[in-house]
């Protein structure tokens, strides 16, 4: 429900490990067609995943579930699952503490999965890796409970390696 997913989003800030385990149990193996049917409270679930992606400890697991929601996108907002997934791959202001290597692992994971009809958003995510000028993002996910998380700040040499790996 809308209220249930909103409460869950708050729980994500207090107990991220229990939250990611719950999301994995509910959505990691759910067929894409069923994920498209998740409408009520969907935005709060996506925002919960965004918060979990911000933390380096839960990034990998949360990004994989976010990818599945992006495959099953049914909303047109810019901060939908696809928009948040795409943002993760920008070298700067990606909305995560995860380093570029961890993000590259998610791209490899996504490319290794079976494709659904509308997977062109992966190209957008890959192209986001090359966005370095005029980049901005909506703030909010970094403020969790009493903590403030910081975006990972790569060195120029890391970005160059990241680009080379993506091109390969």
C-alpha atoms as a PDB file:
ATOM      1  CA  UNK A   1       0.000   0.000   0.000  1.00  0.00           C
ATOM      2  CA  UNK A   2       0.986   3.628  -0.248  1.00  0.00           C
ATOM      3  CA  UNK A   3       1.167   3.963   3.542  1.00  0.00           C
ATOM      4  CA  UNK A   4       2.964   0.641   3.986  1.00  0.00           C
ATOM      5  CA  UNK A   5       5.659   1.481   1.447  1.00  0.00           C
ATOM      6  CA  UNK A   6       6.068   4.937   2.988  1.00  0.00           C
ATOM      7  CA  UNK A   7       6.624   3.367   6.407  1.00  0.00           C
ATOM      8  CA  UNK A   8       9.012   0.873   4.822  1.00  0.00           C
ATOM      9  CA  UNK A   9      10.999   3.764   3.347  1.00  0.00           C
ATOM     10  CA  UNK A  10      11.462   5.142   6.871  1.00  0.00           C
ATOM     11  CA  UNK A  11      12.513   1.708   8.144  1.00  0.00           C
ATOM     12  CA  UNK A  12      15.162   1.619   5.413  1.00  0.00           C
ATOM     13  CA  UNK A  13      16.978   4.469   7.141  1.00  0.00           C
ATOM     14  CA  UNK A  14      16.906   2.798  10.552  1.00  0.00           C
ATOM     15  CA  UNK A  15      17.625  -0.809   9.563  1.00  0.00           C
ATOM     16  CA  UNK A  16      19.067  -1.003   6.052  1.00  0.00           C
ATOM     17  CA  UNK A  17      20.142  -4.657   6.344  1.00  0.00           C
ATOM     18  CA  UNK A  18      16.662  -5.892   7.263  1.00  0.00           C
ATOM     19  CA  UNK A  19      15.203  -3.692   4.543  1.00  0.00           C
ATOM     20  CA  UNK A  20      17.450  -5.030   1.772  1.00  0.00           C
ATOM     21  CA  UNK A  21      16.806  -8.624   2.881  1.00  0.00           C
ATOM     22  CA  UNK A  22      13.066  -7.981   2.699  1.00  0.00           C
ATOM     23  CA  UNK A  23      13.306  -6.403  -0.757  1.00  0.00           C
ATOM     24  CA  UNK A  24      15.457  -9.295  -1.992  1.00  0.00           C
ATOM     25  CA  UNK A  25      12.956 -11.812  -0.670  1.00  0.00           C
ATOM     26  CA  UNK A  26       9.993 -10.016  -2.234  1.00  0.00           C
ATOM     27  CA  UNK A  27      11.384  -8.743  -5.547  1.00  0.00           C
ATOM     28  CA  UNK A  28      14.714 -10.274  -6.580  1.00  0.00           C
ATOM     29  CA  UNK A  29      13.174 -13.313  -8.276  1.00  0.00           C
ATOM     30  CA  UNK A  30       9.785 -11.834  -9.114  1.00  0.00           C
ATOM     31  CA  UNK A  31       9.028 -12.019 -12.853  1.00  0.00           C
ATOM     32  CA  UNK A  32       9.353  -8.683 -14.642  1.00  0.00           C
ATOM     33  CA  UNK A  33       5.716  -8.888 -15.741  1.00  0.00           C
ATOM     34  CA  UNK A  34       4.672  -9.023 -12.063  1.00  0.00           C
ATOM     35  CA  UNK A  35       6.928  -6.105 -11.164  1.00  0.00           C
ATOM     36  CA  UNK A  36       5.107  -4.013 -13.782  1.00  0.00           C
ATOM     37  CA  UNK A  37       1.937  -4.596 -11.775  1.00  0.00           C
ATOM     38  CA  UNK A  38       3.453  -3.020  -8.653  1.00  0.00           C
ATOM     39  CA  UNK A  39       1.797   0.373  -8.780  1.00  0.00           C
ATOM     40  CA  UNK A  40       0.454   1.370  -5.380  1.00  0.00           C
ATOM     41  CA  UNK A  41       3.339   2.560  -3.229  1.00  0.00           C
ATOM     42  CA  UNK A  42       5.857   1.889  -6.005  1.00  0.00           C
ATOM     43  CA  UNK A  43       7.522   5.299  -5.753  1.00  0.00           C
ATOM     44  CA  UNK A  44       8.322   4.793  -2.062  1.00  0.00           C
ATOM     45  CA  UNK A  45       9.790   1.366  -2.843  1.00  0.00           C
ATOM     46  CA  UNK A  46      11.992   2.951  -5.514  1.00  0.00           C
ATOM     47  CA  UNK A  47      13.022   5.697  -3.086  1.00  0.00           C
ATOM     48  CA  UNK A  48      13.860   3.000  -0.513  1.00  0.00           C
ATOM     49  CA  UNK A  49      16.095   1.356  -3.095  1.00  0.00           C
ATOM     50  CA  UNK A  50      17.663   4.736  -3.835  1.00  0.00           C
ATOM     51  CA  UNK A  51      18.535   5.140  -0.153  1.00  0.00           C
ATOM     52  CA  UNK A  52      19.985   1.639  -0.055  1.00  0.00           C
ATOM     53  CA  UNK A  53      22.006   2.336  -3.210  1.00  0.00           C
ATOM     54  CA  UNK A  54      23.518   5.377  -1.523  1.00  0.00           C
ATOM     55  CA  UNK A  55      25.113   3.193   1.157  1.00  0.00           C
ATOM     56  CA  UNK A  56      28.190   1.321  -0.064  1.00  0.00           C
ATOM     57  CA  UNK A  57      27.305  -1.640   2.185  1.00  0.00           C
ATOM     58  CA  UNK A  58      23.986  -2.271   0.449  1.00  0.00           C
ATOM     59  CA  UNK A  59      24.765  -0.806  -2.978  1.00  0.00           C
ATOM     60  CA  UNK A  60      25.316  -4.038  -4.897  1.00  0.00           C
ATOM     61  CA  UNK A  61      22.189  -5.790  -3.654  1.00  0.00           C
ATOM     62  CA  UNK A  62      19.968  -2.716  -3.929  1.00  0.00           C
ATOM     63  CA  UNK A  63      21.205  -1.762  -7.408  1.00  0.00           C
ATOM     64  CA  UNK A  64      20.336  -5.240  -8.709  1.00  0.00           C
ATOM     65  CA  UNK A  65      16.769  -4.925  -7.451  1.00  0.00           C
ATOM     66  CA  UNK A  66      16.549  -1.357  -8.736  1.00  0.00           C
ATOM     67  CA  UNK A  67      17.628  -2.683 -12.141  1.00  0.00           C
ATOM     68  CA  UNK A  68      14.717  -5.137 -12.081  1.00  0.00           C
ATOM     69  CA  UNK A  69      12.297  -2.322 -11.241  1.00  0.00           C
ATOM     70  CA  UNK A  70      13.820  -0.287 -14.079  1.00  0.00           C
ATOM     71  CA  UNK A  71      13.175  -3.203 -16.455  1.00  0.00           C
ATOM     72  CA  UNK A  72       9.553  -3.132 -15.338  1.00  0.00           C
ATOM     73  CA  UNK A  73       9.180   0.658 -15.347  1.00  0.00           C
ATOM     74  CA  UNK A  74       5.593   1.872 -15.398  1.00  0.00           C
ATOM     75  CA  UNK A  75       6.016   5.518 -14.326  1.00  0.00           C
ATOM     76  CA  UNK A  76       6.981   8.579 -16.330  1.00  0.00           C
ATOM     77  CA  UNK A  77       8.680  10.650 -13.603  1.00  0.00           C
ATOM     78  CA  UNK A  78      12.350  11.527 -13.986  1.00  0.00           C
ATOM     79  CA  UNK A  79      13.041  10.082 -10.519  1.00  0.00           C
ATOM     80  CA  UNK A  80      11.526   6.736 -11.407  1.00  0.00           C
ATOM     81  CA  UNK A  81      13.517   3.484 -11.211  1.00  0.00           C
ATOM     82  CA  UNK A  82      15.136   4.082 -14.608  1.00  0.00           C
ATOM     83  CA  UNK A  83      16.160   7.641 -13.775  1.00  0.00           C
ATOM     84  CA  UNK A  84      17.697   6.648 -10.452  1.00  0.00           C
ATOM     85  CA  UNK A  85      19.396   3.596 -11.997  1.00  0.00           C
ATOM     86  CA  UNK A  86      20.915   5.758 -14.737  1.00  0.00           C
ATOM     87  CA  UNK A  87      22.194   8.318 -12.220  1.00  0.00           C
ATOM     88  CA  UNK A  88      24.185   5.651 -10.356  1.00  0.00           C
ATOM     89  CA  UNK A  89      26.696   5.393 -13.196  1.00  0.00           C
ATOM     90  CA  UNK A  90      27.715   9.022 -13.382  1.00  0.00           C
ATOM     91  CA  UNK A  91      31.269   9.368 -12.087  1.00  0.00           C
ATOM     92  CA  UNK A  92      30.341  12.438 -10.074  1.00  0.00           C
ATOM     93  CA  UNK A  93      27.109  13.014  -8.161  1.00  0.00           C
ATOM     94  CA  UNK A  94      26.007   9.446  -8.816  1.00  0.00           C
ATOM     95  CA  UNK A  95      23.981   9.337  -5.617  1.00  0.00           C
ATOM     96  CA  UNK A  96      26.103   6.633  -4.017  1.00  0.00           C
ATOM     97  CA  UNK A  97      29.107   6.063  -1.793  1.00  0.00           C
ATOM     98  CA  UNK A  98      29.998   3.083  -3.989  1.00  0.00           C
ATOM     99  CA  UNK A  99      33.209   3.409  -5.965  1.00  0.00           C
ATOM    100  CA  UNK A 100      33.353   3.185  -9.758  1.00  0.00           C
ATOM    101  CA  UNK A 101      34.442  -0.454  -9.667  1.00  0.00           C
ATOM    102  CA  UNK A 102      31.292  -1.426  -7.734  1.00  0.00           C
ATOM    103  CA  UNK A 103      29.170   0.449 -10.266  1.00  0.00           C
ATOM    104  CA  UNK A 104      30.924  -1.309 -13.126  1.00  0.00           C
ATOM    105  CA  UNK A 105      30.037  -4.647 -11.502  1.00  0.00           C
ATOM    106  CA  UNK A 106      26.358  -3.668 -11.680  1.00  0.00           C
ATOM    107  CA  UNK A 107      26.647  -2.791 -15.373  1.00  0.00           C
ATOM    108  CA  UNK A 108      28.251  -6.194 -16.009  1.00  0.00           C
ATOM    109  CA  UNK A 109      25.469  -7.827 -14.015  1.00  0.00           C
ATOM    110  CA  UNK A 110      22.758  -5.987 -15.964  1.00  0.00           C
ATOM    111  CA  UNK A 111      24.319  -6.865 -19.310  1.00  0.00           C
ATOM    112  CA  UNK A 112      24.538 -10.532 -18.312  1.00  0.00           C
ATOM    113  CA  UNK A 113      20.808 -10.787 -17.572  1.00  0.00           C
ATOM    114  CA  UNK A 114      18.151 -11.753 -20.067  1.00  0.00           C
ATOM    115  CA  UNK A 115      16.780  -8.704 -21.793  1.00  0.00           C
ATOM    116  CA  UNK A 116      13.165  -7.647 -21.776  1.00  0.00           C
ATOM    117  CA  UNK A 117      11.433  -5.735 -24.559  1.00  0.00           C
ATOM    118  CA  UNK A 118      12.378  -2.310 -23.220  1.00  0.00           C
ATOM    119  CA  UNK A 119      15.984  -2.434 -22.067  1.00  0.00           C
ATOM    120  CA  UNK A 120      17.220   0.625 -23.971  1.00  0.00           C
ATOM    121  CA  UNK A 121      17.525   2.406 -20.633  1.00  0.00           C
ATOM    122  CA  UNK A 122      20.762   0.430 -20.173  1.00  0.00           C
ATOM    123  CA  UNK A 123      22.279   2.438 -23.011  1.00  0.00           C
ATOM    124  CA  UNK A 124      21.252   5.601 -21.151  1.00  0.00           C
ATOM    125  CA  UNK A 125      22.901   4.249 -17.979  1.00  0.00           C
ATOM    126  CA  UNK A 126      26.110   3.473 -19.867  1.00  0.00           C
ATOM    127  CA  UNK A 127      26.095   6.924 -21.467  1.00  0.00           C
ATOM    128  CA  UNK A 128      25.598   8.507 -18.024  1.00  0.00           C
ATOM    129  CA  UNK A 129      29.072   7.207 -17.162  1.00  0.00           C
ATOM    130  CA  UNK A 130      30.440   9.818 -19.570  1.00  0.00           C
ATOM    131  CA  UNK A 131      28.536  12.755 -18.035  1.00  0.00           C
ATOM    132  CA  UNK A 132      30.953  14.937 -16.117  1.00  0.00           C
ATOM    133  CA  UNK A 133      29.977  18.539 -16.864  1.00  0.00           C
ATOM    134  CA  UNK A 134      26.857  20.310 -15.754  1.00  0.00           C
ATOM    135  CA  UNK A 135      25.800  17.338 -13.649  1.00  0.00           C
ATOM    136  CA  UNK A 136      23.289  17.795 -10.854  1.00  0.00           C
ATOM    137  CA  UNK A 137      20.945  15.603  -8.898  1.00  0.00           C
ATOM    138  CA  UNK A 138      18.010  15.974  -6.584  1.00  0.00           C
ATOM    139  CA  UNK A 139      19.161  15.854  -2.985  1.00  0.00           C
ATOM    140  CA  UNK A 140      17.448  13.835  -0.310  1.00  0.00           C
ATOM    141  CA  UNK A 141      18.574  10.205  -0.350  1.00  0.00           C
ATOM    142  CA  UNK A 142      21.860  11.115   1.337  1.00  0.00           C
ATOM    143  CA  UNK A 143      20.006  12.364   4.440  1.00  0.00           C
ATOM    144  CA  UNK A 144      19.052   9.240   6.358  1.00  0.00           C
ATOM    145  CA  UNK A 145      18.016   9.283   9.981  1.00  0.00           C
ATOM    146  CA  UNK A 146      20.853  11.083  11.794  1.00  0.00           C
ATOM    147  CA  UNK A 147      23.441  10.361   9.080  1.00  0.00           C
ATOM    148  CA  UNK A 148      24.456  12.284   6.005  1.00  0.00           C
ATOM    149  CA  UNK A 149      26.119  10.188   3.314  1.00  0.00           C
ATOM    150  CA  UNK A 150      28.535  11.641   0.777  1.00  0.00           C
ATOM    151  CA  UNK A 151      28.804  10.917  -2.922  1.00  0.00           C
ATOM    152  CA  UNK A 152      31.911   8.990  -3.879  1.00  0.00           C
ATOM    153  CA  UNK A 153      34.482  11.398  -5.340  1.00  0.00           C
ATOM    154  CA  UNK A 154      36.741   9.585  -7.815  1.00  0.00           C
ATOM    155  CA  UNK A 155      40.142  10.816  -8.899  1.00  0.00           C
ATOM    156  CA  UNK A 156      40.539  11.725 -12.560  1.00  0.00           C
ATOM    157  CA  UNK A 157      42.642   8.601 -13.128  1.00  0.00           C
ATOM    158  CA  UNK A 158      39.803   6.434 -11.734  1.00  0.00           C
ATOM    159  CA  UNK A 159      37.351   8.055 -14.127  1.00  0.00           C
ATOM    160  CA  UNK A 160      39.662   7.395 -17.058  1.00  0.00           C
ATOM    161  CA  UNK A 161      39.960   3.717 -16.072  1.00  0.00           C
ATOM    162  CA  UNK A 162      36.181   3.540 -15.611  1.00  0.00           C
ATOM    163  CA  UNK A 163      35.635   4.888 -19.116  1.00  0.00           C
ATOM    164  CA  UNK A 164      38.165   2.479 -20.589  1.00  0.00           C
ATOM    165  CA  UNK A 165      36.444  -0.464 -18.884  1.00  0.00           C
ATOM    166  CA  UNK A 166      33.042   0.640 -20.137  1.00  0.00           C
ATOM    167  CA  UNK A 167      34.290   1.056 -23.688  1.00  0.00           C
ATOM    168  CA  UNK A 168      35.786  -2.462 -23.507  1.00  0.00           C
END
